[in-house]
C-alpha atoms as a PDB file:
ATOM      1  CA  MET A   1      41.888 -46.743 -85.606  1.00  0.00           C
ATOM      2  CA  GLU A   2      44.334 -43.865 -84.944  1.00  0.00           C
ATOM      3  CA  GLN A   3      41.713 -41.329 -86.009  1.00  0.00           C
ATOM      4  CA  PHE A   4      39.241 -42.892 -83.573  1.00  0.00           C
ATOM      5  CA  LEU A   5      41.767 -42.699 -80.662  1.00  0.00           C
ATOM      6  CA  GLU A   6      42.545 -39.050 -81.574  1.00  0.00           C
ATOM      7  CA  PHE A   7      38.854 -38.196 -81.697  1.00  0.00           C
ATOM      8  CA  VAL A   8      38.141 -39.791 -78.315  1.00  0.00           C
ATOM      9  CA  VAL A   9      41.194 -38.252 -76.661  1.00  0.00           C
ATOM     10  CA  ARG A  10      40.324 -34.709 -78.012  1.00  0.00           C
ATOM     11  CA  GLN A  11      36.859 -35.070 -76.402  1.00  0.00           C
ATOM     12  CA  LEU A  12      38.345 -36.065 -72.977  1.00  0.00           C
ATOM     13  CA  THR A  13      41.161 -33.563 -72.691  1.00  0.00           C
ATOM     14  CA  ASP A  14      41.584 -29.814 -72.703  1.00  0.00           C
ATOM     15  CA  CYS A  15      44.891 -29.745 -74.498  1.00  0.00           C
ATOM     16  CA  SER A  16      43.916 -31.683 -77.620  1.00  0.00           C
ATOM     17  CA  GLU A  17      46.710 -30.191 -79.809  1.00  0.00           C
ATOM     18  CA  GLU A  18      49.410 -31.540 -77.471  1.00  0.00           C
ATOM     19  CA  SER A  19      48.049 -35.223 -77.500  1.00  0.00           C
ATOM     20  CA  LYS A  20      49.649 -37.522 -79.924  1.00  0.00           C
ATOM     21  CA  VAL A  21      48.712 -41.007 -81.005  1.00  0.00           C
ATOM     22  CA  ALA A  22      51.250 -43.315 -82.758  1.00  0.00           C
ATOM     23  CA  SER A  23      50.840 -46.916 -83.937  1.00  0.00           C
ATOM     24  CA  SER A  24      53.109 -49.835 -84.508  1.00  0.00           C
ATOM     25  CA  LEU A  25      52.525 -53.075 -85.913  1.00  0.00           C
ATOM     26  CA  ARG A  26      53.939 -55.590 -83.480  1.00  0.00           C
ATOM     27  CA  SER A  27      53.112 -58.753 -85.487  1.00  0.00           C
ATOM     28  CA  ALA A  28      50.659 -59.840 -87.975  1.00  0.00           C
ATOM     29  CA  THR A  29      47.931 -60.134 -85.345  1.00  0.00           C
ATOM     30  CA  GLU A  30      48.946 -57.547 -82.839  1.00  0.00           C
ATOM     31  CA  HIS A  31      48.673 -53.800 -83.238  1.00  0.00           C
ATOM     32  CA  GLY A  32      50.075 -51.425 -80.591  1.00  0.00           C
ATOM     33  CA  TYR A  33      49.036 -47.829 -79.961  1.00  0.00           C
ATOM     34  CA  ILE A  34      50.848 -45.286 -77.867  1.00  0.00           C
ATOM     35  CA  LEU A  35      49.141 -42.272 -76.534  1.00  0.00           C
ATOM     36  CA  ASN A  36      51.543 -39.525 -75.571  1.00  0.00           C
ATOM     37  CA  LEU A  37      49.897 -36.977 -73.163  1.00  0.00           C
ATOM     38  CA  PRO A  38      50.877 -34.088 -70.947  1.00  0.00           C
ATOM     39  CA  ALA A  39      50.894 -35.145 -67.298  1.00  0.00           C
ATOM     40  CA  SER A  40      47.823 -32.965 -66.408  1.00  0.00           C
ATOM     41  CA  GLU A  41      45.638 -34.813 -68.929  1.00  0.00           C
ATOM     42  CA  VAL A  42      46.532 -38.445 -68.157  1.00  0.00           C
ATOM     43  CA  GLY A  43      43.922 -38.720 -65.298  1.00  0.00           C
ATOM     44  CA  LYS A  44      41.202 -37.460 -67.605  1.00  0.00           C
ATOM     45  CA  VAL A  45      41.872 -40.325 -70.127  1.00  0.00           C
ATOM     46  CA  ILE A  46      42.201 -42.934 -67.379  1.00  0.00           C
ATOM     47  CA  GLY A  47      39.065 -41.933 -65.576  1.00  0.00           C
ATOM     48  CA  LYS A  48      37.928 -42.890 -61.987  1.00  0.00           C
ATOM     49  CA  GLN A  49      39.334 -46.323 -61.173  1.00  0.00           C
ATOM     50  CA  GLY A  50      40.389 -46.724 -64.771  1.00  0.00           C
ATOM     51  CA  HIS A  51      36.862 -47.150 -66.199  1.00  0.00           C
ATOM     52  CA  THR A  52      37.466 -44.696 -69.202  1.00  0.00           C
ATOM     53  CA  ILE A  53      40.687 -46.379 -70.326  1.00  0.00           C
ATOM     54  CA  ARG A  54      39.235 -49.816 -70.012  1.00  0.00           C
ATOM     55  CA  ALA A  55      36.212 -48.718 -72.143  1.00  0.00           C
ATOM     56  CA  ILE A  56      38.627 -47.345 -74.711  1.00  0.00           C
ATOM     57  CA  ARG A  57      40.588 -50.602 -74.768  1.00  0.00           C
ATOM     58  CA  SER A  58      37.410 -52.599 -75.100  1.00  0.00           C
ATOM     59  CA  LEU A  59      36.302 -50.682 -78.188  1.00  0.00           C
ATOM     60  CA  LEU A  60      39.837 -51.055 -79.696  1.00  0.00           C
ATOM     61  CA  ALA A  61      39.537 -54.896 -79.009  1.00  0.00           C
ATOM     62  CA  ALA A  62      35.995 -55.024 -80.542  1.00  0.00           C
ATOM     63  CA  ALA A  63      37.153 -53.047 -83.640  1.00  0.00           C
ATOM     64  CA  SER A  64      40.244 -55.355 -84.223  1.00  0.00           C
ATOM     65  CA  ARG A  65      40.013 -57.973 -86.812  1.00  0.00           C
ATOM     66  CA  ARG A  66      38.997 -61.425 -85.661  1.00  0.00           C
ATOM     67  CA  GLY A  67      41.960 -63.102 -84.037  1.00  0.00           C
ATOM     68  CA  ALA A  68      43.885 -59.851 -83.813  1.00  0.00           C
ATOM     69  CA  THR A  69      44.696 -57.974 -80.670  1.00  0.00           C
ATOM     70  CA  ALA A  70      45.206 -54.257 -80.024  1.00  0.00           C
ATOM     71  CA  THR A  71      47.128 -52.728 -77.177  1.00  0.00           C
ATOM     72  CA  LEU A  72      47.079 -49.195 -75.858  1.00  0.00           C
ATOM     73  CA  GLU A  73      49.881 -47.593 -73.749  1.00  0.00           C
ATOM     74  CA  ILE A  74      49.810 -44.196 -72.301  1.00  0.00           C
ATOM     75  CA  ILE A  75      53.119 -42.206 -71.958  1.00  0.00           C
ATOM     76  CA  GLU A  76      52.941 -39.214 -69.489  1.00  0.00           C
ATOM     77  CA  ARG A  77      55.013 -36.201 -70.815  1.00  0.00           C
ATOM     78  CA  PRO A  78      56.173 -33.823 -68.103  1.00  0.00           C
ATOM     79  CA  GLU A  79      54.721 -30.355 -68.293  1.00  0.00           C
ATOM     80  CA  PRO A  80      56.941 -27.681 -69.730  1.00  0.00           C
END
């Protein structure tokens, strides 16, 4: 799943090497993913009115095992 997220983010952003995806197992049925992006790239991943991030989250939910949930959080890093 991390590789999928990294692939999608690379396609959407200009600074793909600065984008980082981390995962955490919150419980047996909940996986959490954290997307760490530079401030200038966050809008590209969220999209107009949040359509892009909603689509990514929907794909995560569909790819999760039956009964499991997946969450995706975006952390905005300040520009150097």
